[in-house]
N, C-alpha and C. Protein backbone atom coordinates (compact mmCIF):
# COMPACT_ATOMS: atom_id res chain seq x y z
N MET A 1 38.43 82.04 99.36
CA MET A 1 38.85 82.99 98.11
C MET A 1 37.84 83.14 97.24
N HIS A 2 37.27 83.73 96.31
CA HIS A 2 35.90 83.56 95.84
C HIS A 2 36.87 83.66 94.60
N ALA A 3 36.67 83.13 93.50
CA ALA A 3 36.54 83.14 92.18
C ALA A 3 35.94 83.58 90.93
N LEU A 4 34.44 84.40 91.71
CA LEU A 4 34.19 85.27 91.50
C LEU A 4 33.88 87.07 91.73
N ASN A 5 34.42 88.10 90.71
CA ASN A 5 33.75 88.97 90.98
C ASN A 5 32.29 89.87 90.87
N GLU A 6 32.13 90.87 91.09
CA GLU A 6 30.26 91.28 91.61
C GLU A 6 29.56 91.22 90.03
N ASN A 7 30.70 90.54 88.52
CA ASN A 7 30.24 90.94 87.42
C ASN A 7 30.07 89.53 86.87
N SER A 8 30.05 88.52 87.84
CA SER A 8 30.03 86.80 87.57
C SER A 8 31.30 86.60 86.43
N ALA A 9 32.61 87.54 86.23
CA ALA A 9 33.66 86.99 86.10
C ALA A 9 34.71 86.08 86.53
N PRO A 10 35.48 85.47 86.08
CA PRO A 10 36.39 84.50 86.41
C PRO A 10 37.28 85.42 87.13
N SER A 11 37.99 84.82 88.41
CA SER A 11 39.07 86.17 89.05
C SER A 11 40.02 86.00 88.14
N LYS A 12 40.77 87.19 88.20
CA LYS A 12 42.00 87.31 87.09
C LYS A 12 43.12 86.94 88.82
N PRO A 13 42.82 87.47 89.52
CA PRO A 13 43.92 87.05 90.60
C PRO A 13 44.51 85.30 90.37
N LEU A 14 42.60 84.62 90.57
CA LEU A 14 42.94 83.17 90.88
C LEU A 14 43.33 82.66 89.43
N TYR A 15 43.00 83.01 88.89
CA TYR A 15 43.10 82.29 87.50
C TYR A 15 44.85 82.33 87.07
N GLY A 16 45.58 83.58 87.45
CA GLY A 16 47.34 83.92 87.49
C GLY A 16 47.70 83.26 87.93
N GLY A 17 47.44 83.15 89.73
CA GLY A 17 48.02 82.48 90.14
C GLY A 17 48.52 80.87 90.56
N LEU A 18 47.26 80.43 89.51
CA LEU A 18 46.89 78.94 88.99
C LEU A 18 47.81 79.10 88.23
N MET A 19 48.27 79.81 87.51
CA MET A 19 48.21 79.46 85.97
C MET A 19 49.82 79.83 85.75
N VAL A 20 50.33 80.51 87.46
CA VAL A 20 52.14 80.69 87.45
C VAL A 20 52.38 79.25 87.92
N ALA A 21 51.79 78.54 88.92
CA ALA A 21 51.58 77.63 89.12
C ALA A 21 52.12 76.78 88.20
N VAL A 22 51.48 76.39 87.30
CA VAL A 22 51.13 75.24 86.31
C VAL A 22 52.63 75.37 85.04
N CYS A 23 52.44 76.46 84.78
CA CYS A 23 53.84 76.69 84.27
C CYS A 23 55.01 76.20 84.60
N VAL A 24 55.28 77.07 85.82
CA VAL A 24 56.50 76.38 87.07
C VAL A 24 56.45 74.81 86.54
N GLY A 25 55.52 74.41 87.09
CA GLY A 25 55.47 72.70 86.90
C GLY A 25 55.56 72.41 85.91
N ALA A 26 55.02 73.22 84.57
CA ALA A 26 55.28 72.63 83.37
C ALA A 26 57.34 72.66 82.53
N ILE A 27 57.62 73.86 83.44
CA ILE A 27 58.55 73.71 83.29
C ILE A 27 59.09 72.50 83.75
N GLY A 28 58.98 72.00 85.15
CA GLY A 28 60.16 71.39 85.93
C GLY A 28 60.09 70.05 85.42
N ALA A 29 58.68 69.90 84.62
CA ALA A 29 58.54 68.44 84.00
C ALA A 29 58.79 68.53 82.63
N THR A 30 58.71 69.47 81.75
CA THR A 30 60.09 69.71 80.51
C THR A 30 61.73 69.48 81.25
N ALA A 31 62.09 69.72 82.10
CA ALA A 31 63.39 69.29 82.19
C ALA A 31 63.54 67.77 82.63
N ALA A 32 62.44 67.24 83.62
CA ALA A 32 62.59 65.70 84.06
C ALA A 32 62.26 65.04 82.70
N VAL A 33 61.14 65.34 81.41
CA VAL A 33 61.81 64.47 80.54
C VAL A 33 62.28 64.54 79.67
N ALA A 34 62.95 65.65 79.67
CA ALA A 34 64.53 65.80 78.34
C ALA A 34 65.52 65.21 79.65
N ALA A 35 65.88 65.92 80.63
CA ALA A 35 66.35 64.80 81.14
C ALA A 35 66.40 63.22 81.10
N SER A 36 65.41 63.22 81.10
CA SER A 36 65.38 61.45 81.53
C SER A 36 65.24 60.46 79.96
N LEU A 37 65.23 61.05 79.18
CA LEU A 37 65.62 61.01 77.63
C LEU A 37 67.00 60.94 77.02
N GLY A 38 67.83 61.57 77.87
CA GLY A 38 69.01 61.59 78.03
C GLY A 38 69.86 63.15 77.40
N GLY A 39 69.29 63.88 77.15
CA GLY A 39 69.43 65.59 76.77
C GLY A 39 70.87 65.67 78.21
N ASP A 40 71.43 66.47 77.34
CA ASP A 40 72.59 67.08 78.23
C ASP A 40 72.33 68.57 78.58
N SER A 41 72.99 69.59 79.48
CA SER A 41 72.13 70.46 80.03
C SER A 41 72.01 71.64 79.49
N SER A 42 72.34 71.25 77.76
CA SER A 42 72.07 72.62 77.03
C SER A 42 70.94 72.20 76.34
N THR A 43 70.00 71.53 75.78
CA THR A 43 69.51 70.35 75.81
C THR A 43 68.12 70.44 76.61
N ILE A 44 68.15 70.31 77.89
CA ILE A 44 67.39 70.86 78.44
C ILE A 44 67.49 72.22 79.31
N THR A 45 68.07 72.94 79.12
CA THR A 45 67.81 74.51 79.25
C THR A 45 66.84 75.23 77.85
N LYS A 46 67.49 74.71 76.66
CA LYS A 46 67.03 75.06 75.80
C LYS A 46 65.14 74.02 75.42
N ALA A 47 65.42 73.32 75.87
CA ALA A 47 63.49 73.04 75.53
C ALA A 47 62.93 73.74 76.90
N CYS A 48 63.38 73.98 78.03
CA CYS A 48 62.57 74.23 79.33
C CYS A 48 62.74 75.89 78.64
N ALA A 49 63.50 76.38 77.63
CA ALA A 49 63.49 78.30 77.54
C ALA A 49 62.23 78.34 76.68
N ALA A 50 62.14 76.85 75.52
CA ALA A 50 61.26 77.20 74.92
C ALA A 50 59.47 76.66 75.42
N VAL A 51 59.09 76.36 76.53
CA VAL A 51 58.58 76.22 77.29
C VAL A 51 57.75 77.58 78.21
N ALA A 52 59.40 78.26 78.32
CA ALA A 52 59.37 79.33 78.84
C ALA A 52 58.42 80.43 78.04
N ALA A 53 59.17 80.96 77.01
CA ALA A 53 58.49 81.88 76.14
C ALA A 53 57.84 81.49 75.61
N GLY A 54 57.02 80.54 75.76
CA GLY A 54 55.14 79.88 75.43
C GLY A 54 54.60 80.08 76.52
N ALA A 55 55.23 79.85 77.85
CA ALA A 55 54.03 80.16 78.82
C ALA A 55 53.60 81.95 78.99
N LEU A 56 54.21 82.86 78.65
CA LEU A 56 53.98 83.97 78.10
C LEU A 56 53.13 84.18 78.09
N ALA A 57 52.20 83.28 76.69
CA ALA A 57 50.92 83.58 76.35
C ALA A 57 50.06 83.34 76.82
N THR A 58 50.52 82.58 78.01
CA THR A 58 49.11 81.82 78.87
C THR A 58 48.58 83.27 79.46
N PHE A 59 49.31 83.75 80.30
CA PHE A 59 48.86 84.94 80.66
C PHE A 59 47.95 86.61 79.50
N LEU A 60 48.02 86.05 78.32
CA LEU A 60 46.83 86.83 77.12
C LEU A 60 45.68 87.07 77.50
N PRO A 61 45.05 86.08 78.03
CA PRO A 61 43.50 86.59 78.87
C PRO A 61 43.42 87.05 79.92
N LEU A 62 44.31 87.50 80.37
CA LEU A 62 44.51 88.53 81.52
C LEU A 62 44.37 89.90 80.93
N LEU A 63 45.33 90.04 80.19
CA LEU A 63 45.77 91.31 79.81
C LEU A 63 44.22 91.71 78.72
N LEU A 64 44.32 90.53 77.47
CA LEU A 64 42.96 91.07 76.31
C LEU A 64 41.34 91.34 76.83
N SER A 65 41.58 90.61 78.37
CA SER A 65 40.06 90.45 79.11
C SER A 65 39.54 91.98 79.73
N GLY A 66 40.75 93.04 79.92
CA GLY A 66 40.80 94.29 80.21
C GLY A 66 40.47 95.34 79.31
N PHE A 67 41.02 95.14 78.07
CA PHE A 67 40.60 95.69 77.01
C PHE A 67 39.23 95.99 75.83
N THR A 68 38.32 95.37 76.63
CA THR A 68 37.53 95.14 76.07
C THR A 68 36.50 95.28 76.88
N SER A 69 35.20 96.03 76.57
CA SER A 69 33.68 95.51 77.10
C SER A 69 33.00 94.94 77.39
N HIS A 70 33.52 93.53 77.39
CA HIS A 70 32.74 92.18 77.02
C HIS A 70 33.92 91.37 77.56
N GLY A 71 34.50 91.49 78.54
CA GLY A 71 36.01 90.72 78.71
C GLY A 71 35.56 89.99 79.38
N ALA A 72 34.92 89.64 80.65
CA ALA A 72 34.11 88.13 81.14
C ALA A 72 33.44 87.55 80.35
N SER A 73 32.73 87.62 79.36
CA SER A 73 32.06 86.83 78.48
C SER A 73 32.94 86.80 77.16
N ASN A 74 34.24 87.70 77.38
CA ASN A 74 35.05 86.82 76.07
C ASN A 74 36.11 85.95 76.32
N PHE A 75 36.36 85.87 77.71
CA PHE A 75 37.46 85.01 78.17
C PHE A 75 37.82 83.85 78.28
N GLY A 76 36.72 83.06 77.36
CA GLY A 76 37.05 81.64 76.89
C GLY A 76 37.67 81.49 75.48
N VAL A 77 37.20 83.14 74.98
CA VAL A 77 37.53 83.05 73.61
C VAL A 77 39.46 83.51 73.47
N PHE A 78 39.86 84.15 74.78
CA PHE A 78 40.85 84.97 74.68
C PHE A 78 41.85 83.28 75.29
N VAL A 79 41.02 82.73 75.55
CA VAL A 79 42.06 81.36 76.48
C VAL A 79 42.11 80.81 75.15
N MET A 80 41.67 80.46 74.37
CA MET A 80 41.81 80.11 73.43
C MET A 80 42.86 80.31 72.93
N LEU A 81 42.65 81.20 72.43
CA LEU A 81 43.71 82.56 71.52
C LEU A 81 44.89 82.15 72.32
N ALA A 82 45.55 82.24 73.46
CA ALA A 82 46.33 82.12 74.01
C ALA A 82 46.83 81.02 74.38
N SER A 83 45.65 79.54 74.29
CA SER A 83 46.69 78.24 73.57
C SER A 83 47.52 78.39 72.48
N GLY A 84 46.33 78.62 71.59
CA GLY A 84 47.22 78.44 70.27
C GLY A 84 49.03 78.99 69.96
N ALA A 85 48.53 80.60 70.06
CA ALA A 85 49.77 80.84 70.27
C ALA A 85 50.61 80.77 71.15
N ARG A 86 50.49 79.92 72.94
CA ARG A 86 50.95 79.36 72.96
C ARG A 86 51.75 78.00 72.42
N THR A 87 51.48 77.53 71.55
CA THR A 87 51.70 76.44 70.96
C THR A 87 52.17 77.03 69.46
N LEU A 88 52.08 77.97 69.19
CA LEU A 88 53.36 77.76 68.26
C LEU A 88 54.17 78.57 68.56
N VAL A 89 54.44 79.68 69.52
CA VAL A 89 55.60 79.77 70.45
C VAL A 89 56.86 78.88 70.87
N ILE A 90 56.17 77.83 70.94
CA ILE A 90 56.35 76.90 71.60
C ILE A 90 57.34 75.93 70.85
N LEU A 91 56.47 75.27 69.89
CA LEU A 91 56.64 75.32 68.50
C LEU A 91 57.54 75.89 68.02
N GLY A 92 57.70 77.29 67.59
CA GLY A 92 58.67 77.60 66.89
C GLY A 92 60.31 77.42 67.52
N ALA A 93 60.14 77.81 69.12
CA ALA A 93 61.13 77.87 69.86
C ALA A 93 61.80 77.37 69.76
N ALA A 94 61.38 75.39 69.81
CA ALA A 94 61.83 74.30 69.56
C ALA A 94 62.39 74.36 68.21
N LEU A 95 61.88 74.36 67.29
CA LEU A 95 63.07 74.65 65.88
C LEU A 95 63.90 75.45 65.97
N PHE A 96 63.81 76.77 66.32
CA PHE A 96 64.60 77.39 65.93
C PHE A 96 65.86 76.50 66.91
N PHE A 97 65.55 76.05 68.36
CA PHE A 97 66.45 75.25 68.83
C PHE A 97 67.21 74.13 68.59
N SER A 98 66.09 73.78 68.05
CA SER A 98 66.72 72.14 67.04
C SER A 98 67.92 72.10 65.80
N GLN A 99 67.96 73.29 65.65
CA GLN A 99 68.77 73.88 64.45
C GLN A 99 70.42 73.51 64.86
N SER A 100 70.52 73.66 66.31
CA SER A 100 71.91 73.59 66.59
C SER A 100 72.51 72.42 66.83
N PRO A 101 73.45 72.89 66.17
CA PRO A 101 74.10 70.73 65.92
C PRO A 101 74.17 70.11 67.58
N ASP A 102 74.47 70.77 68.79
CA ASP A 102 74.75 70.49 70.04
C ASP A 102 73.57 70.05 70.31
N VAL A 103 72.90 70.37 70.13
CA VAL A 103 71.29 69.58 70.85
C VAL A 103 70.53 68.77 70.31
N ALA A 104 70.03 67.92 71.20
CA ALA A 104 69.64 66.33 71.37
C ALA A 104 68.67 66.92 70.77
N LYS A 105 67.52 66.14 69.59
CA LYS A 105 66.64 66.30 69.35
C LYS A 105 65.27 65.61 70.19
N SER A 106 65.69 64.27 69.93
CA SER A 106 64.24 64.11 70.69
C SER A 106 63.98 64.38 72.74
N PRO A 107 65.25 64.45 73.44
CA PRO A 107 65.59 64.83 74.77
C PRO A 107 64.46 66.47 74.32
N LEU A 108 64.70 67.39 73.26
CA LEU A 108 64.29 68.75 73.06
C LEU A 108 62.52 68.94 73.18
N TRP A 109 62.25 67.99 71.87
CA TRP A 109 61.30 68.11 71.29
C TRP A 109 60.06 67.22 72.57
N LEU A 110 60.77 66.31 72.97
CA LEU A 110 59.85 65.63 73.97
C LEU A 110 59.00 66.26 75.15
N GLY A 111 60.42 66.92 75.45
CA GLY A 111 60.50 67.85 76.65
C GLY A 111 59.59 68.81 77.12
N ALA A 112 59.44 69.71 75.29
CA ALA A 112 59.17 70.88 75.02
C ALA A 112 57.46 70.31 74.93
N LEU A 113 57.21 69.24 74.19
CA LEU A 113 55.77 69.25 74.14
C LEU A 113 54.94 68.62 75.59
N THR A 114 55.82 68.17 75.95
CA THR A 114 55.54 67.71 77.70
C THR A 114 55.02 69.25 78.31
N GLY A 115 55.70 69.48 78.29
CA GLY A 115 55.28 71.21 79.03
C GLY A 115 54.04 71.36 78.76
N ALA A 116 53.92 72.10 76.88
CA ALA A 116 53.17 72.69 76.66
C ALA A 116 52.02 71.79 76.89
N GLY A 117 51.65 70.15 76.80
CA GLY A 117 50.71 69.81 76.85
C GLY A 117 49.89 69.70 78.34
N LEU A 118 51.00 69.89 79.17
CA LEU A 118 50.53 69.96 80.76
C LEU A 118 50.24 70.84 80.27
N ILE A 119 50.44 72.12 80.24
CA ILE A 119 49.89 73.55 80.60
C ILE A 119 48.43 73.35 79.58
N LEU A 120 48.46 72.96 78.16
CA LEU A 120 46.97 72.66 77.88
C LEU A 120 46.16 72.17 78.64
N VAL A 121 46.56 71.03 79.48
CA VAL A 121 45.55 70.54 79.84
C VAL A 121 44.67 71.13 81.35
N VAL A 122 45.72 71.15 81.96
CA VAL A 122 45.47 72.16 82.99
C VAL A 122 44.53 73.73 83.11
N GLU A 123 44.97 73.91 81.92
CA GLU A 123 44.74 75.60 81.75
C GLU A 123 43.24 75.12 80.79
N THR A 124 42.60 73.85 80.21
CA THR A 124 41.49 73.96 79.24
C THR A 124 40.99 73.67 81.00
N ALA A 125 41.33 72.50 82.16
CA ALA A 125 40.17 71.94 83.10
C ALA A 125 39.99 73.86 83.96
N LEU A 126 41.15 74.10 84.24
CA LEU A 126 40.44 75.31 84.89
C LEU A 126 39.76 76.60 84.72
N SER A 127 39.54 76.51 83.34
CA SER A 127 38.88 77.57 82.59
C SER A 127 37.53 77.29 82.05
N VAL A 128 37.17 76.04 82.13
CA VAL A 128 36.36 75.52 82.37
C VAL A 128 35.16 75.68 83.30
N ALA A 129 35.98 75.32 84.63
CA ALA A 129 35.51 75.41 85.97
C ALA A 129 35.45 76.90 86.30
N LEU A 130 36.41 77.76 86.14
CA LEU A 130 35.81 79.27 86.01
C LEU A 130 34.77 79.34 85.68
N LEU A 131 34.33 79.16 83.87
CA LEU A 131 33.88 80.08 83.24
C LEU A 131 32.28 79.23 83.63
N SER A 132 32.13 77.62 84.21
CA SER A 132 31.07 77.24 84.62
C SER A 132 30.42 77.90 86.18
N ARG A 133 31.36 78.14 86.60
CA ARG A 133 31.45 78.49 87.77
C ARG A 133 30.57 80.03 87.46
N ALA A 134 31.11 80.75 86.90
CA ALA A 134 30.74 82.13 86.81
C ALA A 134 28.99 82.09 86.02
N GLU A 135 29.06 81.14 85.27
CA GLU A 135 27.41 80.79 84.61
C GLU A 135 26.59 80.44 85.71
N ARG A 136 27.17 79.77 86.79
CA ARG A 136 26.01 79.71 87.66
C ARG A 136 25.79 80.84 88.07
N ALA A 137 26.92 81.59 89.17
CA ALA A 137 26.24 82.86 89.41
C ALA A 137 25.41 83.43 88.84
N LYS A 138 25.64 83.77 87.36
CA LYS A 138 25.04 84.77 86.87
C LYS A 138 23.56 84.46 86.39
N SER A 139 23.31 83.09 86.24
CA SER A 139 21.67 82.53 86.47
C SER A 139 21.42 82.77 87.69
N ALA A 140 22.09 82.60 88.82
CA ALA A 140 21.49 82.62 90.28
C ALA A 140 21.03 84.04 90.51
N GLY A 141 22.00 85.07 89.93
CA GLY A 141 21.51 86.14 90.22
C GLY A 141 20.18 86.52 89.28
N ARG A 142 20.03 86.11 87.93
CA ARG A 142 19.15 86.55 87.10
C ARG A 142 18.18 86.16 88.05
N ALA A 143 18.15 84.56 87.82
CA ALA A 143 17.04 84.14 88.97
C ALA A 143 16.51 85.18 90.72
N THR A 144 17.43 85.51 91.21
CA THR A 144 16.82 85.91 92.06
C THR A 144 16.57 87.12 91.52
N ALA A 145 16.97 87.89 90.97
CA ALA A 145 16.35 89.37 90.01
C ALA A 145 14.77 88.97 89.70
N SER A 146 14.48 87.77 88.63
CA SER A 146 13.28 87.63 88.94
C SER A 146 12.22 87.19 90.08
N GLY A 147 12.79 87.00 90.93
CA GLY A 147 12.07 86.66 92.36
C GLY A 147 12.54 84.56 92.12
N ARG A 148 12.43 84.02 91.41
CA ARG A 148 12.41 82.73 91.30
C ARG A 148 13.46 82.14 92.52
N SER A 149 13.28 81.38 92.85
CA SER A 149 14.66 80.62 93.89
C SER A 149 15.18 79.05 93.50
N ASP A 150 14.74 78.97 92.42
CA ASP A 150 15.64 77.16 91.54
C ASP A 150 16.38 76.55 91.05
N ALA A 151 16.97 78.55 90.93
CA ALA A 151 18.13 78.25 89.99
C ALA A 151 19.15 77.24 90.88
């Protein structure tokens, strides 16, 4: 599977597919951490719901890059925006859920932050890898067009 299309842009299906797997894994990690800290089923569910709500923002780069004429070149910016949006959604949802008297606070917060952190780390590494590969392909295309072969 190629990570680049003809415009040297990161592949939307590759990024989307990998991020779905990362988000599912992050929700699993959230549940594991919340459970290991003594959270009951209500707390675990709410921590996972906070991460799931925030995980939806992970897919904003796929949507936003299609609405601009420079979608490929703005992909990294869109990933940063999505990361900020995801963090705010997860923190907001966790704050909302923590107001419930039946929720154990530490399992909720540490579980939600584990999921958010996992998504952030993997998303950053994946984005850097895809954007670096796109830039190498773009440079190789320029070198070929100018008749050089040292790219």
